PDB file of N, CA and C in Angstrom:
ATOM      1  N   MET A   1       0.824  -1.191   0.000  1.00  0.00           N
ATOM      2  CA  MET A   1       0.000   0.000   0.000  1.00  0.00           C
ATOM      3  C   MET A   1       0.868   1.255   0.000  1.00  0.00           C
ATOM      4  N   THR A   2       1.933   1.241   0.826  1.00  0.00           N
ATOM      5  CA  THR A   2       2.826   2.392   0.879  1.00  0.00           C
ATOM      6  C   THR A   2       3.514   2.595  -0.463  1.00  0.00           C
ATOM      7  N   ARG A   3       3.928   1.491  -1.088  1.00  0.00           N
ATOM      8  CA  ARG A   3       4.590   1.608  -2.400  1.00  0.00           C
ATOM      9  C   ARG A   3       3.634   2.192  -3.431  1.00  0.00           C
ATOM     10  N   MET A   4       2.359   1.783  -3.375  1.00  0.00           N
ATOM     11  CA  MET A   4       1.374   2.308  -4.309  1.00  0.00           C
ATOM     12  C   MET A   4       1.186   3.807  -4.084  1.00  0.00           C
ATOM     13  N   MET A   5       1.116   4.224  -2.833  1.00  0.00           N
ATOM     14  CA  MET A   5       0.938   5.646  -2.525  1.00  0.00           C
ATOM     15  C   MET A   5       2.139   6.465  -2.981  1.00  0.00           C
ATOM     16  N   LEU A   6       3.340   5.927  -2.762  1.00  0.00           N
ATOM     17  CA  LEU A   6       4.545   6.618  -3.220  1.00  0.00           C
ATOM     18  C   LEU A   6       4.559   6.702  -4.740  1.00  0.00           C
ATOM     19  N   GLY A   7       4.142   5.626  -5.385  1.00  0.00           N
ATOM     20  CA  GLY A   7       4.075   5.625  -6.844  1.00  0.00           C
ATOM     21  C   GLY A   7       3.090   6.661  -7.349  1.00  0.00           C
ATOM     22  N   LEU A   8       1.935   6.749  -6.707  1.00  0.00           N
ATOM     23  CA  LEU A   8       0.938   7.739  -7.085  1.00  0.00           C
ATOM     24  C   LEU A   8       1.484   9.151  -6.914  1.00  0.00           C
ATOM     25  N   ALA A   9       2.145   9.392  -5.794  1.00  0.00           N
ATOM     26  CA  ALA A   9       2.711  10.720  -5.545  1.00  0.00           C
ATOM     27  C   ALA A   9       3.753  11.056  -6.600  1.00  0.00           C
ATOM     28  N   ALA A  10       4.590  10.091  -6.947  1.00  0.00           N
ATOM     29  CA  ALA A  10       5.611  10.331  -7.964  1.00  0.00           C
ATOM     30  C   ALA A  10       4.965  10.624  -9.308  1.00  0.00           C
ATOM     31  N   CYS A  11       3.913   9.879  -9.647  1.00  0.00           N
ATOM     32  CA  CYS A  11       3.217  10.113 -10.918  1.00  0.00           C
ATOM     33  C   CYS A  11       2.596  11.502 -10.956  1.00  0.00           C
ATOM     34  N   LEU A  12       1.998  11.906  -9.843  1.00  0.00           N
ATOM     35  CA  LEU A  12       1.394  13.237  -9.797  1.00  0.00           C
ATOM     36  C   LEU A  12       2.447  14.326  -9.950  1.00  0.00           C
ATOM     37  N   ALA A  13       3.561  14.137  -9.282  1.00  0.00           N
ATOM     38  CA  ALA A  13       4.619  15.141  -9.357  1.00  0.00           C
ATOM     39  C   ALA A  13       5.257  15.176 -10.734  1.00  0.00           C
ATOM     40  N   LEU A  14       5.293  14.043 -11.403  1.00  0.00           N
ATOM     41  CA  LEU A  14       5.935  13.973 -12.716  1.00  0.00           C
ATOM     42  C   LEU A  14       4.969  14.182 -13.874  1.00  0.00           C
ATOM     43  N   ALA A  15       3.689  14.314 -13.581  1.00  0.00           N
ATOM     44  CA  ALA A  15       2.701  14.451 -14.641  1.00  0.00           C
ATOM     45  C   ALA A  15       3.017  15.610 -15.577  1.00  0.00           C
ATOM     46  N   ALA A  16       3.637  16.631 -15.048  1.00  0.00           N
ATOM     47  CA  ALA A  16       3.960  17.797 -15.858  1.00  0.00           C
ATOM     48  C   ALA A  16       5.124  17.551 -16.804  1.00  0.00           C
ATOM     49  N   CYS A  17       5.772  16.426 -16.711  1.00  0.00           N
ATOM     50  CA  CYS A  17       6.943  16.152 -17.544  1.00  0.00           C
ATOM     51  C   CYS A  17       6.618  15.217 -18.697  1.00  0.00           C
ATOM     52  N   GLY A  18       5.376  15.195 -19.167  1.00  0.00           N
ATOM     53  CA  GLY A  18       4.963  14.288 -20.237  1.00  0.00           C
ATOM     54  C   GLY A  18       5.506  14.686 -21.588  1.00  0.00           C
ATOM     55  N   GLY A  19       5.078  13.967 -22.647  1.00  0.00           N
ATOM     56  CA  GLY A  19       5.526  14.226 -24.018  1.00  0.00           C
ATOM     57  C   GLY A  19       4.386  14.764 -24.862  1.00  0.00           C
ATOM     58  N   GLY A  20       4.644  15.177 -26.096  1.00  0.00           N
ATOM     59  CA  GLY A  20       3.624  15.685 -27.021  1.00  0.00           C
ATOM     60  C   GLY A  20       4.200  16.646 -28.021  1.00  0.00           C
ATOM     61  N   SER A  21       3.312  17.425 -28.707  1.00  0.00           N
ATOM     62  CA  SER A  21       3.838  18.243 -29.795  1.00  0.00           C
ATOM     63  C   SER A  21       3.229  19.632 -29.936  1.00  0.00           C
ATOM     64  N   ASP A  22       2.286  20.047 -29.109  1.00  0.00           N
ATOM     65  CA  ASP A  22       1.687  21.369 -29.239  1.00  0.00           C
ATOM     66  C   ASP A  22       2.715  22.449 -28.915  1.00  0.00           C
ATOM     67  N   SER A  23       2.910  23.397 -29.835  1.00  0.00           N
ATOM     68  CA  SER A  23       3.943  24.406 -29.623  1.00  0.00           C
ATOM     69  C   SER A  23       3.393  25.711 -29.050  1.00  0.00           C
ATOM     70  N   ARG A  24       2.109  25.751 -28.754  1.00  0.00           N
ATOM     71  CA  ARG A  24       1.511  26.944 -28.153  1.00  0.00           C
ATOM     72  C   ARG A  24       0.611  26.534 -27.005  1.00  0.00           C
ATOM     73  N   ASN A  25       0.556  27.393 -25.982  1.00  0.00           N
ATOM     74  CA  ASN A  25      -0.355  27.093 -24.886  1.00  0.00           C
ATOM     75  C   ASN A  25      -1.732  27.638 -25.227  1.00  0.00           C
ATOM     76  N   GLN A  26      -2.692  27.504 -24.306  1.00  0.00           N
ATOM     77  CA  GLN A  26      -4.056  27.917 -24.608  1.00  0.00           C
ATOM     78  C   GLN A  26      -4.176  29.420 -24.827  1.00  0.00           C
ATOM     79  N   ARG A  27      -3.239  30.193 -24.343  1.00  0.00           N
ATOM     80  CA  ARG A  27      -3.262  31.642 -24.560  1.00  0.00           C
ATOM     81  C   ARG A  27      -2.492  32.033 -25.815  1.00  0.00           C
ATOM     82  N   GLY A  28      -1.975  31.027 -26.535  1.00  0.00           N
ATOM     83  CA  GLY A  28      -1.266  31.295 -27.770  1.00  0.00           C
ATOM     84  C   GLY A  28       0.167  31.735 -27.582  1.00  0.00           C
ATOM     85  N   VAL A  29       0.725  31.574 -26.370  1.00  0.00           N
ATOM     86  CA  VAL A  29       2.099  31.966 -26.117  1.00  0.00           C
ATOM     87  C   VAL A  29       3.016  30.861 -26.617  1.00  0.00           C
ATOM     88  N   SER A  30       4.004  31.213 -27.391  1.00  0.00           N
ATOM     89  CA  SER A  30       4.931  30.240 -27.949  1.00  0.00           C
ATOM     90  C   SER A  30       5.715  29.535 -26.854  1.00  0.00           C
ATOM     91  N   VAL A  31       5.775  28.205 -26.928  1.00  0.00           N
ATOM     92  CA  VAL A  31       6.539  27.424 -25.955  1.00  0.00           C
ATOM     93  C   VAL A  31       8.015  27.797 -26.030  1.00  0.00           C
ATOM     94  N   GLU A  32       8.499  28.160 -27.206  1.00  0.00           N
ATOM     95  CA  GLU A  32       9.903  28.551 -27.336  1.00  0.00           C
ATOM     96  C   GLU A  32      10.220  29.744 -26.435  1.00  0.00           C
ATOM     97  N   ARG A  33       9.312  30.699 -26.324  1.00  0.00           N
ATOM     98  CA  ARG A  33       9.518  31.838 -25.423  1.00  0.00           C
ATOM     99  C   ARG A  33       9.497  31.391 -23.974  1.00  0.00           C
ATOM    100  N   GLN A  34       8.662  30.412 -23.671  1.00  0.00           N
ATOM    101  CA  GLN A  34       8.535  29.936 -22.308  1.00  0.00           C
ATOM    102  C   GLN A  34       9.806  29.249 -21.832  1.00  0.00           C
ATOM    103  N   ALA A  35      10.603  28.743 -22.750  1.00  0.00           N
ATOM    104  CA  ALA A  35      11.808  27.996 -22.377  1.00  0.00           C
ATOM    105  C   ALA A  35      12.774  28.851 -21.568  1.00  0.00           C
ATOM    106  N   PHE A  36      12.609  30.149 -21.600  1.00  0.00           N
ATOM    107  CA  PHE A  36      13.526  31.024 -20.897  1.00  0.00           C
ATOM    108  C   PHE A  36      12.985  31.477 -19.545  1.00  0.00           C
ATOM    109  N   SER A  37      11.820  30.965 -19.158  1.00  0.00           N
ATOM    110  CA  SER A  37      11.262  31.296 -17.847  1.00  0.00           C
ATOM    111  C   SER A  37      12.102  30.645 -16.762  1.00  0.00           C
ATOM    112  N   THR A  38      12.342  31.399 -15.715  1.00  0.00           N
ATOM    113  CA  THR A  38      13.120  30.876 -14.595  1.00  0.00           C
ATOM    114  C   THR A  38      12.376  31.141 -13.298  1.00  0.00           C
ATOM    115  N   GLY A  39      12.658  30.340 -12.314  1.00  0.00           N
ATOM    116  CA  GLY A  39      12.029  30.484 -11.014  1.00  0.00           C
ATOM    117  C   GLY A  39      12.186  29.204 -10.223  1.00  0.00           C
ATOM    118  N   GLN A  40      11.414  29.080  -9.155  1.00  0.00           N
ATOM    119  CA  GLN A  40      11.534  27.943  -8.245  1.00  0.00           C
ATOM    120  C   GLN A  40      11.248  26.610  -8.925  1.00  0.00           C
ATOM    121  N   ILE A  41      10.216  26.560  -9.757  1.00  0.00           N
ATOM    122  CA  ILE A  41       9.844  25.321 -10.442  1.00  0.00           C
ATOM    123  C   ILE A  41      10.937  24.938 -11.436  1.00  0.00           C
ATOM    124  N   SER A  42      11.410  25.894 -12.199  1.00  0.00           N
ATOM    125  CA  SER A  42      12.459  25.636 -13.186  1.00  0.00           C
ATOM    126  C   SER A  42      13.731  25.109 -12.522  1.00  0.00           C
ATOM    127  N   ARG A  43      14.133  25.745 -11.430  1.00  0.00           N
ATOM    128  CA  ARG A  43      15.344  25.293 -10.719  1.00  0.00           C
ATOM    129  C   ARG A  43      15.172  23.891 -10.155  1.00  0.00           C
ATOM    130  N   ALA A  44      14.003  23.630  -9.565  1.00  0.00           N
ATOM    131  CA  ALA A  44      13.750  22.299  -9.000  1.00  0.00           C
ATOM    132  C   ALA A  44      13.749  21.244 -10.095  1.00  0.00           C
ATOM    133  N   CYS A  45      13.183  21.573 -11.223  1.00  0.00           N
ATOM    134  CA  CYS A  45      13.160  20.659 -12.371  1.00  0.00           C
ATOM    135  C   CYS A  45      14.576  20.358 -12.856  1.00  0.00           C
ATOM    136  N   MET A  46      15.381  21.394 -13.018  1.00  0.00           N
ATOM    137  CA  MET A  46      16.743  21.215 -13.538  1.00  0.00           C
ATOM    138  C   MET A  46      17.629  20.424 -12.580  1.00  0.00           C
ATOM    139  N   THR A  47      17.397  20.543 -11.294  1.00  0.00           N
ATOM    140  CA  THR A  47      18.247  19.852 -10.314  1.00  0.00           C
ATOM    141  C   THR A  47      17.645  18.525  -9.849  1.00  0.00           C
ATOM    142  N   SER A  48      16.548  18.111 -10.459  1.00  0.00           N
ATOM    143  CA  SER A  48      15.835  16.907 -10.015  1.00  0.00           C
ATOM    144  C   SER A  48      16.554  15.609 -10.370  1.00  0.00           C
ATOM    145  N   GLY A  49      17.465  15.667 -11.333  1.00  0.00           N
ATOM    146  CA  GLY A  49      18.168  14.458 -11.738  1.00  0.00           C
ATOM    147  C   GLY A  49      17.395  13.608 -12.736  1.00  0.00           C
ATOM    148  N   ARG A  50      16.258  14.090 -13.206  1.00  0.00           N
ATOM    149  CA  ARG A  50      15.477  13.329 -14.188  1.00  0.00           C
ATOM    150  C   ARG A  50      16.114  13.436 -15.561  1.00  0.00           C
ATOM    151  N   LYS A  51      16.094  12.342 -16.301  1.00  0.00           N
ATOM    152  CA  LYS A  51      16.697  12.326 -17.637  1.00  0.00           C
ATOM    153  C   LYS A  51      16.024  13.316 -18.581  1.00  0.00           C
ATOM    154  N   ALA A  52      14.721  13.509 -18.440  1.00  0.00           N
ATOM    155  CA  ALA A  52      13.976  14.389 -19.337  1.00  0.00           C
ATOM    156  C   ALA A  52      14.183  15.874 -19.041  1.00  0.00           C
ATOM    157  N   ALA A  53      14.788  16.204 -17.915  1.00  0.00           N
ATOM    158  CA  ALA A  53      14.947  17.610 -17.539  1.00  0.00           C
ATOM    159  C   ALA A  53      15.906  18.318 -18.486  1.00  0.00           C
ATOM    160  N   ASN A  54      15.439  19.425 -19.038  1.00  0.00           N
ATOM    161  CA  ASN A  54      16.270  20.288 -19.878  1.00  0.00           C
ATOM    162  C   ASN A  54      15.736  21.708 -19.749  1.00  0.00           C
ATOM    163  N   THR A  55      16.493  22.686 -20.219  1.00  0.00           N
ATOM    164  CA  THR A  55      16.090  24.080 -20.019  1.00  0.00           C
ATOM    165  C   THR A  55      14.763  24.394 -20.699  1.00  0.00           C
ATOM    166  N   ARG A  56      14.497  23.769 -21.821  1.00  0.00           N
ATOM    167  CA  ARG A  56      13.256  24.042 -22.543  1.00  0.00           C
ATOM    168  C   ARG A  56      12.052  23.516 -21.748  1.00  0.00           C
ATOM    169  N   LEU A  57      12.128  22.259 -21.308  1.00  0.00           N
ATOM    170  CA  LEU A  57      11.034  21.671 -20.540  1.00  0.00           C
ATOM    171  C   LEU A  57      10.856  22.396 -19.209  1.00  0.00           C
ATOM    172  N   CYS A  58      11.948  22.584 -18.495  1.00  0.00           N
ATOM    173  CA  CYS A  58      11.866  23.217 -17.169  1.00  0.00           C
ATOM    174  C   CYS A  58      11.394  24.661 -17.275  1.00  0.00           C
ATOM    175  N   GLY A  59      11.801  25.357 -18.323  1.00  0.00           N
ATOM    176  CA  GLY A  59      11.323  26.718 -18.552  1.00  0.00           C
ATOM    177  C   GLY A  59       9.837  26.740 -18.864  1.00  0.00           C
ATOM    178  N   CYS A  60       9.380  25.754 -19.626  1.00  0.00           N
ATOM    179  CA  CYS A  60       7.959  25.653 -19.939  1.00  0.00           C
ATOM    180  C   CYS A  60       7.153  25.399 -18.666  1.00  0.00           C
ATOM    181  N   LEU A  61       7.642  24.477 -17.836  1.00  0.00           N
ATOM    182  CA  LEU A  61       6.952  24.203 -16.569  1.00  0.00           C
ATOM    183  C   LEU A  61       6.859  25.467 -15.726  1.00  0.00           C
ATOM    184  N   GLN A  62       7.944  26.253 -15.699  1.00  0.00           N
ATOM    185  CA  GLN A  62       7.939  27.499 -14.931  1.00  0.00           C
ATOM    186  C   GLN A  62       6.931  28.481 -15.507  1.00  0.00           C
ATOM    187  N   ALA A  63       6.875  28.579 -16.826  1.00  0.00           N
ATOM    188  CA  ALA A  63       5.928  29.512 -17.448  1.00  0.00           C
ATOM    189  C   ALA A  63       4.487  29.136 -17.117  1.00  0.00           C
ATOM    190  N   VAL A  64       4.189  27.844 -17.141  1.00  0.00           N
ATOM    191  CA  VAL A  64       2.845  27.388 -16.782  1.00  0.00           C
ATOM    192  C   VAL A  64       2.595  27.665 -15.298  1.00  0.00           C
ATOM    193  N   ALA A  65       3.580  27.429 -14.457  1.00  0.00           N
ATOM    194  CA  ALA A  65       3.439  27.717 -13.026  1.00  0.00           C
ATOM    195  C   ALA A  65       3.183  29.203 -12.803  1.00  0.00           C
ATOM    196  N   ASP A  66       3.845  30.057 -13.580  1.00  0.00           N
ATOM    197  CA  ASP A  66       3.644  31.498 -13.435  1.00  0.00           C
ATOM    198  C   ASP A  66       2.200  31.882 -13.759  1.00  0.00           C
ATOM    199  N   GLU A  67       1.555  31.106 -14.631  1.00  0.00           N
ATOM    200  CA  GLU A  67       0.160  31.382 -14.997  1.00  0.00           C
ATOM    201  C   GLU A  67      -0.830  30.749 -14.032  1.00  0.00           C
ATOM    202  N   THR A  68      -0.490  29.594 -13.464  1.00  0.00           N
ATOM    203  CA  THR A  68      -1.466  28.830 -12.693  1.00  0.00           C
ATOM    204  C   THR A  68      -1.177  28.788 -11.193  1.00  0.00           C
ATOM    205  N   LEU A  69       0.071  28.829 -10.804  1.00  0.00           N
ATOM    206  CA  LEU A  69       0.474  28.835  -9.389  1.00  0.00           C
ATOM    207  C   LEU A  69       1.130  30.186  -9.122  1.00  0.00           C
ATOM    208  N   ARG A  70       0.342  31.197  -9.036  1.00  0.00           N
ATOM    209  CA  ARG A  70       0.871  32.560  -9.040  1.00  0.00           C
ATOM    210  C   ARG A  70       1.568  32.974  -7.762  1.00  0.00           C
ATOM    211  N   SER A  71       1.230  32.367  -6.637  1.00  0.00           N
ATOM    212  CA  SER A  71       1.882  32.799  -5.400  1.00  0.00           C
ATOM    213  C   SER A  71       3.226  32.097  -5.226  1.00  0.00           C
ATOM    214  N   ARG A  72       4.139  32.779  -4.576  1.00  0.00           N
ATOM    215  CA  ARG A  72       5.462  32.200  -4.309  1.00  0.00           C
ATOM    216  C   ARG A  72       5.336  30.960  -3.426  1.00  0.00           C
ATOM    217  N   SER A  73       4.407  30.986  -2.498  1.00  0.00           N
ATOM    218  CA  SER A  73       4.256  29.836  -1.601  1.00  0.00           C
ATOM    219  C   SER A  73       3.737  28.614  -2.361  1.00  0.00           C
ATOM    220  N   ASP A  74       2.806  28.814  -3.307  1.00  0.00           N
ATOM    221  CA  ASP A  74       2.337  27.697  -4.136  1.00  0.00           C
ATOM    222  C   ASP A  74       3.493  27.119  -4.952  1.00  0.00           C
ATOM    223  N   GLN A  75       4.283  27.988  -5.564  1.00  0.00           N
ATOM    224  CA  GLN A  75       5.400  27.513  -6.378  1.00  0.00           C
ATOM    225  C   GLN A  75       6.458  26.829  -5.515  1.00  0.00           C
ATOM    226  N   ARG A  76       6.694  27.348  -4.332  1.00  0.00           N
ATOM    227  CA  ARG A  76       7.664  26.734  -3.423  1.00  0.00           C
ATOM    228  C   ARG A  76       7.204  25.329  -3.021  1.00  0.00           C
ATOM    229  N   MET A  77       5.916  25.193  -2.706  1.00  0.00           N
ATOM    230  CA  MET A  77       5.399  23.886  -2.312  1.00  0.00           C
ATOM    231  C   MET A  77       5.478  22.903  -3.480  1.00  0.00           C
ATOM    232  N   ALA A  78       5.087  23.337  -4.670  1.00  0.00           N
ATOM    233  CA  ALA A  78       5.134  22.464  -5.845  1.00  0.00           C
ATOM    234  C   ALA A  78       6.574  22.101  -6.194  1.00  0.00           C
ATOM    235  N   ALA A  79       7.489  23.046  -6.082  1.00  0.00           N
ATOM    236  CA  ALA A  79       8.900  22.771  -6.372  1.00  0.00           C
ATOM    237  C   ALA A  79       9.443  21.706  -5.426  1.00  0.00           C
ATOM    238  N   GLY A  80       8.954  21.688  -4.214  1.00  0.00           N
ATOM    239  CA  GLY A  80       9.393  20.692  -3.241  1.00  0.00           C
ATOM    240  C   GLY A  80       9.057  19.266  -3.664  1.00  0.00           C
ATOM    241  N   PHE A  81       8.031  19.091  -4.494  1.00  0.00           N
ATOM    242  CA  PHE A  81       7.641  17.762  -4.953  1.00  0.00           C
ATOM    243  C   PHE A  81       8.718  17.126  -5.834  1.00  0.00           C
ATOM    244  N   PHE A  82       9.527  17.942  -6.498  1.00  0.00           N
ATOM    245  CA  PHE A  82      10.599  17.393  -7.331  1.00  0.00           C
ATOM    246  C   PHE A  82      11.629  16.670  -6.479  1.00  0.00           C
ATOM    247  N   GLY A  83      11.912  17.205  -5.302  1.00  0.00           N
ATOM    248  CA  GLY A  83      12.900  16.603  -4.412  1.00  0.00           C
ATOM    249  C   GLY A  83      12.311  15.560  -3.471  1.00  0.00           C
ATOM    250  N   ASP A  84      11.009  15.673  -3.177  1.00  0.00           N
ATOM    251  CA  ASP A  84      10.362  14.752  -2.242  1.00  0.00           C
ATOM    252  C   ASP A  84       8.950  14.442  -2.755  1.00  0.00           C
ATOM    253  N   PRO A  85       8.828  13.511  -3.720  1.00  0.00           N
ATOM    254  CA  PRO A  85       7.520  13.192  -4.295  1.00  0.00           C
ATOM    255  C   PRO A  85       6.494  12.737  -3.254  1.00  0.00           C
ATOM    256  N   HIS A  86       6.952  12.141  -2.168  1.00  0.00           N
ATOM    257  CA  HIS A  86       6.014  11.705  -1.125  1.00  0.00           C
ATOM    258  C   HIS A  86       5.269  12.895  -0.515  1.00  0.00           C
ATOM    259  N   GLU A  87       5.891  14.042  -0.498  1.00  0.00           N
ATOM    260  CA  GLU A  87       5.251  15.244   0.055  1.00  0.00           C
ATOM    261  C   GLU A  87       3.966  15.568  -0.713  1.00  0.00           C
ATOM    262  N   ALA A  88       3.929  15.273  -2.013  1.00  0.00           N
ATOM    263  CA  ALA A  88       2.714  15.501  -2.796  1.00  0.00           C
ATOM    264  C   ALA A  88       1.557  14.678  -2.238  1.00  0.00           C
ATOM    265  N   GLN A  89       1.845  13.437  -1.888  1.00  0.00           N
ATOM    266  CA  GLN A  89       0.823  12.566  -1.314  1.00  0.00           C
ATOM    267  C   GLN A  89       0.364  13.081   0.042  1.00  0.00           C
ATOM    268  N   VAL A  90       1.293  13.557   0.841  1.00  0.00           N
ATOM    269  CA  VAL A  90       0.960  14.100   2.157  1.00  0.00           C
ATOM    270  C   VAL A  90       0.023  15.300   2.004  1.00  0.00           C
ATOM    271  N   ILE A  91       0.347  16.187   1.092  1.00  0.00           N
ATOM    272  CA  ILE A  91      -0.476  17.387   0.858  1.00  0.00           C
ATOM    273  C   ILE A  91      -1.840  16.993   0.308  1.00  0.00           C
ATOM    274  N   ARG A  92      -1.854  16.063  -0.640  1.00  0.00           N
ATOM    275  CA  ARG A  92      -3.111  15.632  -1.265  1.00  0.00           C
ATOM    276  C   ARG A  92      -4.063  15.038  -0.230  1.00  0.00           C
ATOM    277  N   GLN A  93      -3.545  14.312   0.726  1.00  0.00           N
ATOM    278  CA  GLN A  93      -4.393  13.653   1.720  1.00  0.00           C
ATOM    279  C   GLN A  93      -4.657  14.501   2.964  1.00  0.00           C
ATOM    280  N   SER A  94      -4.065  15.654   3.038  1.00  0.00           N
ATOM    281  CA  SER A  94      -4.200  16.502   4.212  1.00  0.00           C
ATOM    282  C   SER A  94      -5.642  17.014   4.376  1.00  0.00           C
ATOM    283  N   ASP A  95      -6.049  17.168   5.614  1.00  0.00           N
ATOM    284  CA  ASP A  95      -7.348  17.762   5.917  1.00  0.00           C
ATOM    285  C   ASP A  95      -7.258  19.280   6.092  1.00  0.00           C
ATOM    286  N   ASN A  96      -6.057  19.814   5.979  1.00  0.00           N
ATOM    287  CA  ASN A  96      -5.833  21.250   6.106  1.00  0.00           C
ATOM    288  C   ASN A  96      -6.503  21.958   4.925  1.00  0.00           C
ATOM    289  N   PRO A  97      -7.406  22.916   5.162  1.00  0.00           N
ATOM    290  CA  PRO A  97      -8.092  23.609   4.067  1.00  0.00           C
ATOM    291  C   PRO A  97      -7.131  24.318   3.099  1.00  0.00           C
ATOM    292  N   HIS A  98      -6.010  24.812   3.606  1.00  0.00           N
ATOM    293  CA  HIS A  98      -5.029  25.468   2.735  1.00  0.00           C
ATOM    294  C   HIS A  98      -4.404  24.451   1.781  1.00  0.00           C
ATOM    295  N   HIS A  99      -4.138  23.248   2.287  1.00  0.00           N
ATOM    296  CA  HIS A  99      -3.586  22.196   1.438  1.00  0.00           C
ATOM    297  C   HIS A  99      -4.607  21.751   0.389  1.00  0.00           C
ATOM    298  N   GLU A 100      -5.875  21.674   0.795  1.00  0.00           N
ATOM    299  CA  GLU A 100      -6.924  21.296  -0.152  1.00  0.00           C
ATOM    300  C   GLU A 100      -7.039  22.325  -1.271  1.00  0.00           C
ATOM    301  N   ASP A 101      -6.997  23.599  -0.933  1.00  0.00           N
ATOM    302  CA  ASP A 101      -7.050  24.663  -1.942  1.00  0.00           C
ATOM    303  C   ASP A 101      -5.823  24.607  -2.850  1.00  0.00           C
ATOM    304  N   PHE A 102      -4.651  24.422  -2.233  1.00  0.00           N
ATOM    305  CA  PHE A 102      -3.429  24.312  -3.027  1.00  0.00           C
ATOM    306  C   PHE A 102      -3.533  23.135  -3.990  1.00  0.00           C
ATOM    307  N   TRP A 103      -4.029  22.007  -3.526  1.00  0.00           N
ATOM    308  CA  TRP A 103      -4.077  20.812  -4.364  1.00  0.00           C
ATOM    309  C   TRP A 103      -4.952  21.042  -5.603  1.00  0.00           C
ATOM    310  N   LYS A 104      -6.027  21.785  -5.456  1.00  0.00           N
ATOM    311  CA  LYS A 104      -6.864  22.124  -6.619  1.00  0.00           C
ATOM    312  C   LYS A 104      -6.057  22.940  -7.623  1.00  0.00           C
ATOM    313  N   ARG A 105      -5.310  23.914  -7.131  1.00  0.00           N
ATOM    314  CA  ARG A 105      -4.485  24.733  -8.029  1.00  0.00           C
ATOM    315  C   ARG A 105      -3.373  23.888  -8.650  1.00  0.00           C
ATOM    316  N   TYR A 106      -2.786  22.998  -7.852  1.00  0.00           N
ATOM    317  CA  TYR A 106      -1.706  22.149  -8.355  1.00  0.00           C
ATOM    318  C   TYR A 106      -2.217  21.209  -9.443  1.00  0.00           C
ATOM    319  N   LYS A 107      -3.406  20.652  -9.288  1.00  0.00           N
ATOM    320  CA  LYS A 107      -3.986  19.795 -10.319  1.00  0.00           C
ATOM    321  C   LYS A 107      -4.170  20.584 -11.614  1.00  0.00           C
ATOM    322  N   GLY A 108      -4.601  21.833 -11.494  1.00  0.00           N
ATOM    323  CA  GLY A 108      -4.725  22.683 -12.676  1.00  0.00           C
ATOM    324  C   GLY A 108      -3.373  22.912 -13.332  1.00  0.00           C
ATOM    325  N   PHE A 109      -2.364  23.175 -12.508  1.00  0.00           N
ATOM    326  CA  PHE A 109      -1.003  23.365 -13.023  1.00  0.00           C
ATOM    327  C   PHE A 109      -0.516  22.113 -13.741  1.00  0.00           C
ATOM    328  N   SER A 110      -0.635  20.954 -13.099  1.00  0.00           N
ATOM    329  CA  SER A 110      -0.077  19.737 -13.690  1.00  0.00           C
ATOM    330  C   SER A 110      -0.796  19.363 -14.977  1.00  0.00           C
ATOM    331  N   GLY A 111      -2.111  19.557 -15.038  1.00  0.00           N
ATOM    332  CA  GLY A 111      -2.847  19.274 -16.266  1.00  0.00           C
ATOM    333  C   GLY A 111      -2.448  20.192 -17.403  1.00  0.00           C
ATOM    334  N   GLU A 112      -2.349  21.471 -17.101  1.00  0.00           N
ATOM    335  CA  GLU A 112      -1.937  22.448 -18.125  1.00  0.00           C
ATOM    336  C   GLU A 112      -0.501  22.227 -18.542  1.00  0.00           C
ATOM    337  N   ALA A 113       0.386  21.931 -17.579  1.00  0.00           N
ATOM    338  CA  ALA A 113       1.797  21.698 -17.904  1.00  0.00           C
ATOM    339  C   ALA A 113       1.944  20.468 -18.785  1.00  0.00           C
ATOM    340  N   GLU A 114       1.191  19.432 -18.498  1.00  0.00           N
ATOM    341  CA  GLU A 114       1.261  18.230 -19.337  1.00  0.00           C
ATOM    342  C   GLU A 114       0.807  18.556 -20.764  1.00  0.00           C
ATOM    343  N   ARG A 115      -0.264  19.320 -20.886  1.00  0.00           N
ATOM    344  CA  ARG A 115      -0.783  19.667 -22.210  1.00  0.00           C
ATOM    345  C   ARG A 115       0.168  20.568 -22.988  1.00  0.00           C
ATOM    346  N   VAL A 116       0.703  21.586 -22.325  1.00  0.00           N
ATOM    347  CA  VAL A 116       1.508  22.601 -23.000  1.00  0.00           C
ATOM    348  C   VAL A 116       2.953  22.153 -23.224  1.00  0.00           C
ATOM    349  N   CYS A 117       3.513  21.433 -22.279  1.00  0.00           N
ATOM    350  CA  CYS A 117       4.942  21.126 -22.301  1.00  0.00           C
ATOM    351  C   CYS A 117       5.261  19.745 -22.868  1.00  0.00           C
ATOM    352  N   LYS A 118       4.278  19.056 -23.370  1.00  0.00           N
ATOM    353  CA  LYS A 118       4.509  17.716 -23.926  1.00  0.00           C
ATOM    354  C   LYS A 118       5.599  17.743 -24.988  1.00  0.00           C
ATOM    355  N   GLY A 119       6.463  16.769 -24.916  1.00  0.00           N
ATOM    356  CA  GLY A 119       7.457  16.568 -25.957  1.00  0.00           C
ATOM    357  C   GLY A 119       8.665  17.472 -25.919  1.00  0.00           C
ATOM    358  N   LEU A 120       8.827  18.280 -24.906  1.00  0.00           N
ATOM    359  CA  LEU A 120       9.972  19.195 -24.857  1.00  0.00           C
ATOM    360  C   LEU A 120      11.185  18.535 -24.271  1.00  0.00           C
TER     361      LEU A 120
END
């Protein structure tokens, strides 16, 4: 059961690192421009040790985070999932109303990041 929960947390944290081919996000912003976005999410992505991590993908994730996880605290919490995927599961299962609100925003971020950043 613990392994399944850890696996789920890892999948949720990595959902934003999927593949695909759309070169524009829903607002029509070029993914190529997004590759230069920097911040907490981008740094966490680049230092995560994942084979798929590159400046283009990590910059895209940051650009999506800038649109969907606008507060520094939201981005800090999400960036922490790169280093500790189990923390995502802890937050998801928390009864804390702030964690529940964050998780809704994080789900929006991960869905949009998967759609926009696929294949980078």
